[in-house]
Amino acid sequence: MSSVARVTTITVRSEQSFEDAVAVGIERAAQTLRHVSGAWVKEQKVEVTEGKITAWSVTLEISFVLE
């Protein structure tokens, strides 16, 4: 049996950590997309205010299998 997957890009911001940003992004994508099968962290960034990290941001490539 063959399957076809599609990839979509999302960006997620967290005030906790990179790990939290990834988890929130996958959870949110799964609410809209059916058959989410994986994700690739394409980019990571931090926001800095007065020398301290204030937010973490990730760009994710979300894979999902088409019906």
PDB file of N, CA and C in Angstrom:
ATOM      1  N   MET A   1       0.830  -1.175   0.000  1.00  0.00           N
ATOM      2  CA  MET A   1       0.000   0.000   0.000  1.00  0.00           C
ATOM      3  C   MET A   1       0.883   1.250   0.000  1.00  0.00           C
ATOM      4  N   SER A   2       0.575   2.189  -0.850  1.00  0.00           N
ATOM      5  CA  SER A   2       1.335   3.436  -0.952  1.00  0.00           C
ATOM      6  C   SER A   2       0.658   4.534  -0.147  1.00  0.00           C
ATOM      7  N   SER A   3       1.424   5.540   0.197  1.00  0.00           N
ATOM      8  CA  SER A   3       0.847   6.706   0.867  1.00  0.00           C
ATOM      9  C   SER A   3       1.550   7.953   0.356  1.00  0.00           C
ATOM     10  N   VAL A   4       0.848   9.067   0.442  1.00  0.00           N
ATOM     11  CA  VAL A   4       1.390  10.351   0.015  1.00  0.00           C
ATOM     12  C   VAL A   4       1.307  11.302   1.206  1.00  0.00           C
ATOM     13  N   ALA A   5       2.396  11.992   1.457  1.00  0.00           N
ATOM     14  CA  ALA A   5       2.429  12.943   2.568  1.00  0.00           C
ATOM     15  C   ALA A   5       2.594  14.356   2.023  1.00  0.00           C
ATOM     16  N   ARG A   6       2.149  15.295   2.815  1.00  0.00           N
ATOM     17  CA  ARG A   6       2.305  16.705   2.491  1.00  0.00           C
ATOM     18  C   ARG A   6       3.037  17.369   3.657  1.00  0.00           C
ATOM     19  N   VAL A   7       3.717  18.465   3.384  1.00  0.00           N
ATOM     20  CA  VAL A   7       4.452  19.188   4.419  1.00  0.00           C
ATOM     21  C   VAL A   7       3.946  20.627   4.448  1.00  0.00           C
ATOM     22  N   THR A   8       3.716  21.123   5.644  1.00  0.00           N
ATOM     23  CA  THR A   8       3.327  22.527   5.823  1.00  0.00           C
ATOM     24  C   THR A   8       4.256  23.157   6.852  1.00  0.00           C
ATOM     25  N   THR A   9       4.479  24.441   6.739  1.00  0.00           N
ATOM     26  CA  THR A   9       5.395  25.156   7.626  1.00  0.00           C
ATOM     27  C   THR A   9       4.603  26.014   8.616  1.00  0.00           C
ATOM     28  N   ILE A  10       4.975  25.921   9.888  1.00  0.00           N
ATOM     29  CA  ILE A  10       4.370  26.769  10.914  1.00  0.00           C
ATOM     30  C   ILE A  10       5.480  27.369  11.771  1.00  0.00           C
ATOM     31  N   THR A  11       5.191  28.502  12.384  1.00  0.00           N
ATOM     32  CA  THR A  11       6.115  29.136  13.320  1.00  0.00           C
ATOM     33  C   THR A  11       5.418  29.255  14.660  1.00  0.00           C
ATOM     34  N   VAL A  12       6.123  28.892  15.722  1.00  0.00           N
ATOM     35  CA  VAL A  12       5.542  28.857  17.059  1.00  0.00           C
ATOM     36  C   VAL A  12       6.455  29.618  18.028  1.00  0.00           C
ATOM     37  N   ARG A  13       5.833  30.388  18.923  1.00  0.00           N
ATOM     38  CA  ARG A  13       6.577  31.153  19.926  1.00  0.00           C
ATOM     39  C   ARG A  13       6.165  30.679  21.314  1.00  0.00           C
ATOM     40  N   SER A  14       7.143  30.553  22.202  1.00  0.00           N
ATOM     41  CA  SER A  14       6.877  30.141  23.575  1.00  0.00           C
ATOM     42  C   SER A  14       7.679  31.016  24.520  1.00  0.00           C
ATOM     43  N   GLU A  15       7.120  31.288  25.664  1.00  0.00           N
ATOM     44  CA  GLU A  15       7.860  32.011  26.695  1.00  0.00           C
ATOM     45  C   GLU A  15       8.490  31.037  27.687  1.00  0.00           C
ATOM     46  N   GLN A  16       8.439  29.728  27.388  1.00  0.00           N
ATOM     47  CA  GLN A  16       8.983  28.686  28.266  1.00  0.00           C
ATOM     48  C   GLN A  16      10.320  28.131  27.758  1.00  0.00           C
ATOM     49  N   SER A  17      10.302  27.557  26.517  1.00  0.00           N
ATOM     50  CA  SER A  17      11.495  26.887  25.993  1.00  0.00           C
ATOM     51  C   SER A  17      11.277  26.473  24.542  1.00  0.00           C
ATOM     52  N   PHE A  18      12.366  26.026  23.890  1.00  0.00           N
ATOM     53  CA  PHE A  18      12.247  25.467  22.546  1.00  0.00           C
ATOM     54  C   PHE A  18      11.357  24.222  22.578  1.00  0.00           C
ATOM     55  N   GLU A  19      11.573  23.375  23.577  1.00  0.00           N
ATOM     56  CA  GLU A  19      10.797  22.139  23.695  1.00  0.00           C
ATOM     57  C   GLU A  19       9.297  22.442  23.797  1.00  0.00           C
ATOM     58  N   ASP A  20       8.945  23.444  24.575  1.00  0.00           N
ATOM     59  CA  ASP A  20       7.544  23.833  24.707  1.00  0.00           C
ATOM     60  C   ASP A  20       6.994  24.347  23.384  1.00  0.00           C
ATOM     61  N   ALA A  21       7.784  25.137  22.665  1.00  0.00           N
ATOM     62  CA  ALA A  21       7.343  25.655  21.368  1.00  0.00           C
ATOM     63  C   ALA A  21       7.062  24.513  20.393  1.00  0.00           C
ATOM     64  N   VAL A  22       7.931  23.511  20.365  1.00  0.00           N
ATOM     65  CA  VAL A  22       7.723  22.357  19.478  1.00  0.00           C
ATOM     66  C   VAL A  22       6.457  21.604  19.879  1.00  0.00           C
ATOM     67  N   ALA A  23       6.298  21.321  21.165  1.00  0.00           N
ATOM     68  CA  ALA A  23       5.128  20.575  21.641  1.00  0.00           C
ATOM     69  C   ALA A  23       3.830  21.323  21.337  1.00  0.00           C
ATOM     70  N   VAL A  24       3.811  22.624  21.574  1.00  0.00           N
ATOM     71  CA  VAL A  24       2.618  23.429  21.307  1.00  0.00           C
ATOM     72  C   VAL A  24       2.322  23.438  19.812  1.00  0.00           C
ATOM     73  N   GLY A  25       3.348  23.564  18.995  1.00  0.00           N
ATOM     74  CA  GLY A  25       3.162  23.578  17.545  1.00  0.00           C
ATOM     75  C   GLY A  25       2.585  22.280  17.011  1.00  0.00           C
ATOM     76  N   ILE A  26       3.105  21.162  17.470  1.00  0.00           N
ATOM     77  CA  ILE A  26       2.597  19.869  17.008  1.00  0.00           C
ATOM     78  C   ILE A  26       1.174  19.648  17.493  1.00  0.00           C
ATOM     79  N   GLU A  27       0.912  19.994  18.749  1.00  0.00           N
ATOM     80  CA  GLU A  27      -0.443  19.847  19.296  1.00  0.00           C
ATOM     81  C   GLU A  27      -1.438  20.695  18.502  1.00  0.00           C
ATOM     82  N   ARG A  28      -1.057  21.925  18.196  1.00  0.00           N
ATOM     83  CA  ARG A  28      -1.957  22.815  17.448  1.00  0.00           C
ATOM     84  C   ARG A  28      -2.159  22.323  16.019  1.00  0.00           C
ATOM     85  N   ALA A  29      -1.093  21.871  15.365  1.00  0.00           N
ATOM     86  CA  ALA A  29      -1.207  21.359  13.995  1.00  0.00           C
ATOM     87  C   ALA A  29      -2.140  20.152  13.946  1.00  0.00           C
ATOM     88  N   ALA A  30      -2.054  19.290  14.951  1.00  0.00           N
ATOM     89  CA  ALA A  30      -2.884  18.081  14.999  1.00  0.00           C
ATOM     90  C   ALA A  30      -4.368  18.401  15.185  1.00  0.00           C
ATOM     91  N   GLN A  31      -4.684  19.595  15.667  1.00  0.00           N
ATOM     92  CA  GLN A  31      -6.088  19.996  15.803  1.00  0.00           C
ATOM     93  C   GLN A  31      -6.707  20.292  14.442  1.00  0.00           C
ATOM     94  N   THR A  32      -5.896  20.728  13.493  1.00  0.00           N
ATOM     95  CA  THR A  32      -6.380  21.112  12.170  1.00  0.00           C
ATOM     96  C   THR A  32      -6.068  20.069  11.107  1.00  0.00           C
ATOM     97  N   LEU A  33      -4.904  19.459  11.191  1.00  0.00           N
ATOM     98  CA  LEU A  33      -4.455  18.491  10.185  1.00  0.00           C
ATOM     99  C   LEU A  33      -4.668  17.071  10.682  1.00  0.00           C
ATOM    100  N   ARG A  34      -5.195  16.224   9.817  1.00  0.00           N
ATOM    101  CA  ARG A  34      -5.340  14.814  10.169  1.00  0.00           C
ATOM    102  C   ARG A  34      -4.071  14.048   9.779  1.00  0.00           C
ATOM    103  N   HIS A  35      -3.774  13.019  10.526  1.00  0.00           N
ATOM    104  CA  HIS A  35      -2.674  12.097  10.220  1.00  0.00           C
ATOM    105  C   HIS A  35      -1.292  12.754  10.268  1.00  0.00           C
ATOM    106  N   VAL A  36      -1.068  13.634  11.258  1.00  0.00           N
ATOM    107  CA  VAL A  36       0.268  14.214  11.441  1.00  0.00           C
ATOM    108  C   VAL A  36       1.221  13.066  11.753  1.00  0.00           C
ATOM    109  N   SER A  37       2.311  12.986  10.983  1.00  0.00           N
ATOM    110  CA  SER A  37       3.212  11.840  11.139  1.00  0.00           C
ATOM    111  C   SER A  37       4.614  12.225  11.597  1.00  0.00           C
ATOM    112  N   GLY A  38       4.927  13.520  11.597  1.00  0.00           N
ATOM    113  CA  GLY A  38       6.252  13.922  12.050  1.00  0.00           C
ATOM    114  C   GLY A  38       6.478  15.406  11.881  1.00  0.00           C
ATOM    115  N   ALA A  39       7.615  15.867  12.381  1.00  0.00           N
ATOM    116  CA  ALA A  39       7.962  17.281  12.258  1.00  0.00           C
ATOM    117  C   ALA A  39       9.475  17.418  12.215  1.00  0.00           C
ATOM    118  N   TRP A  40       9.920  18.444  11.538  1.00  0.00           N
ATOM    119  CA  TRP A  40      11.326  18.776  11.438  1.00  0.00           C
ATOM    120  C   TRP A  40      11.499  20.209  11.919  1.00  0.00           C
ATOM    121  N   VAL A  41      12.406  20.421  12.864  1.00  0.00           N
ATOM    122  CA  VAL A  41      12.686  21.778  13.343  1.00  0.00           C
ATOM    123  C   VAL A  41      13.631  22.416  12.327  1.00  0.00           C
ATOM    124  N   LYS A  42      13.073  23.338  11.554  1.00  0.00           N
ATOM    125  CA  LYS A  42      13.828  23.982  10.485  1.00  0.00           C
ATOM    126  C   LYS A  42      14.676  25.137  11.000  1.00  0.00           C
ATOM    127  N   GLU A  43      14.149  25.860  11.993  1.00  0.00           N
ATOM    128  CA  GLU A  43      14.848  27.036  12.494  1.00  0.00           C
ATOM    129  C   GLU A  43      14.506  27.275  13.957  1.00  0.00           C
ATOM    130  N   GLN A  44      15.468  27.787  14.707  1.00  0.00           N
ATOM    131  CA  GLN A  44      15.256  28.167  16.101  1.00  0.00           C
ATOM    132  C   GLN A  44      15.751  29.592  16.296  1.00  0.00           C
ATOM    133  N   LYS A  45      14.990  30.374  17.065  1.00  0.00           N
ATOM    134  CA  LYS A  45      15.386  31.750  17.369  1.00  0.00           C
ATOM    135  C   LYS A  45      15.053  32.051  18.817  1.00  0.00           C
ATOM    136  N   VAL A  46      15.725  33.026  19.369  1.00  0.00           N
ATOM    137  CA  VAL A  46      15.371  33.517  20.703  1.00  0.00           C
ATOM    138  C   VAL A  46      15.152  35.023  20.621  1.00  0.00           C
ATOM    139  N   GLU A  47      14.263  35.517  21.496  1.00  0.00           N
ATOM    140  CA  GLU A  47      14.086  36.951  21.670  1.00  0.00           C
ATOM    141  C   GLU A  47      14.831  37.336  22.941  1.00  0.00           C
ATOM    142  N   VAL A  48      15.528  38.443  22.882  1.00  0.00           N
ATOM    143  CA  VAL A  48      16.330  38.884  24.019  1.00  0.00           C
ATOM    144  C   VAL A  48      15.920  40.302  24.407  1.00  0.00           C
ATOM    145  N   THR A  49      15.704  40.498  25.706  1.00  0.00           N
ATOM    146  CA  THR A  49      15.400  41.822  26.252  1.00  0.00           C
ATOM    147  C   THR A  49      16.353  42.085  27.408  1.00  0.00           C
ATOM    148  N   GLU A  50      17.072  43.169  27.329  1.00  0.00           N
ATOM    149  CA  GLU A  50      18.033  43.549  28.360  1.00  0.00           C
ATOM    150  C   GLU A  50      18.993  42.414  28.721  1.00  0.00           C
ATOM    151  N   GLY A  51      19.461  41.718  27.693  1.00  0.00           N
ATOM    152  CA  GLY A  51      20.443  40.660  27.886  1.00  0.00           C
ATOM    153  C   GLY A  51      19.903  39.327  28.363  1.00  0.00           C
ATOM    154  N   LYS A  52      18.567  39.184  28.461  1.00  0.00           N
ATOM    155  CA  LYS A  52      17.973  37.925  28.922  1.00  0.00           C
ATOM    156  C   LYS A  52      17.012  37.387  27.863  1.00  0.00           C
ATOM    157  N   ILE A  53      17.003  36.075  27.736  1.00  0.00           N
ATOM    158  CA  ILE A  53      16.071  35.441  26.793  1.00  0.00           C
ATOM    159  C   ILE A  53      14.658  35.596  27.342  1.00  0.00           C
ATOM    160  N   THR A  54      13.771  36.134  26.503  1.00  0.00           N
ATOM    161  CA  THR A  54      12.385  36.344  26.923  1.00  0.00           C
ATOM    162  C   THR A  54      11.406  35.442  26.169  1.00  0.00           C
ATOM    163  N   ALA A  55      11.833  34.873  25.033  1.00  0.00           N
ATOM    164  CA  ALA A  55      10.956  33.967  24.288  1.00  0.00           C
ATOM    165  C   ALA A  55      11.780  33.110  23.343  1.00  0.00           C
ATOM    166  N   TRP A  56      11.248  31.937  23.054  1.00  0.00           N
ATOM    167  CA  TRP A  56      11.860  30.979  22.141  1.00  0.00           C
ATOM    168  C   TRP A  56      10.904  30.784  20.976  1.00  0.00           C
ATOM    169  N   SER A  57      11.457  30.656  19.794  1.00  0.00           N
ATOM    170  CA  SER A  57      10.633  30.522  18.607  1.00  0.00           C
ATOM    171  C   SER A  57      11.195  29.416  17.715  1.00  0.00           C
ATOM    172  N   VAL A  58      10.314  28.621  17.134  1.00  0.00           N
ATOM    173  CA  VAL A  58      10.739  27.572  16.207  1.00  0.00           C
ATOM    174  C   VAL A  58       9.900  27.637  14.935  1.00  0.00           C
ATOM    175  N   THR A  59      10.541  27.292  13.837  1.00  0.00           N
ATOM    176  CA  THR A  59       9.829  27.088  12.582  1.00  0.00           C
ATOM    177  C   THR A  59       9.838  25.584  12.343  1.00  0.00           C
ATOM    178  N   LEU A  60       8.652  25.025  12.204  1.00  0.00           N
ATOM    179  CA  LEU A  60       8.493  23.577  12.044  1.00  0.00           C
ATOM    180  C   LEU A  60       7.973  23.231  10.654  1.00  0.00           C
ATOM    181  N   GLU A  61       8.476  22.158  10.103  1.00  0.00           N
ATOM    182  CA  GLU A  61       7.940  21.559   8.887  1.00  0.00           C
ATOM    183  C   GLU A  61       7.126  20.354   9.368  1.00  0.00           C
ATOM    184  N   ILE A  62       5.814  20.435   9.283  1.00  0.00           N
ATOM    185  CA  ILE A  62       4.916  19.388   9.770  1.00  0.00           C
ATOM    186  C   ILE A  62       4.529  18.475   8.608  1.00  0.00           C
ATOM    187  N   SER A  63       4.739  17.166   8.760  1.00  0.00           N
ATOM    188  CA  SER A  63       4.346  16.183   7.734  1.00  0.00           C
ATOM    189  C   SER A  63       3.036  15.536   8.137  1.00  0.00           C
ATOM    190  N   PHE A  64       2.157  15.369   7.145  1.00  0.00           N
ATOM    191  CA  PHE A  64       0.904  14.661   7.409  1.00  0.00           C
ATOM    192  C   PHE A  64       0.527  13.854   6.174  1.00  0.00           C
ATOM    193  N   VAL A  65      -0.061  12.694   6.403  1.00  0.00           N
ATOM    194  CA  VAL A  65      -0.412  11.764   5.326  1.00  0.00           C
ATOM    195  C   VAL A  65      -1.775  12.144   4.767  1.00  0.00           C
ATOM    196  N   LEU A  66      -1.850  12.245   3.452  1.00  0.00           N
ATOM    197  CA  LEU A  66      -3.109  12.573   2.796  1.00  0.00           C
ATOM    198  C   LEU A  66      -4.019  11.351   2.741  1.00  0.00           C
ATOM    199  N   GLU A  67      -5.323  11.610   2.854  1.00  0.00           N
ATOM    200  CA  GLU A  67      -6.286  10.511   2.798  1.00  0.00           C
ATOM    201  C   GLU A  67      -6.499  10.074   1.373  1.00  0.00           C
TER     202      GLU A  67
END
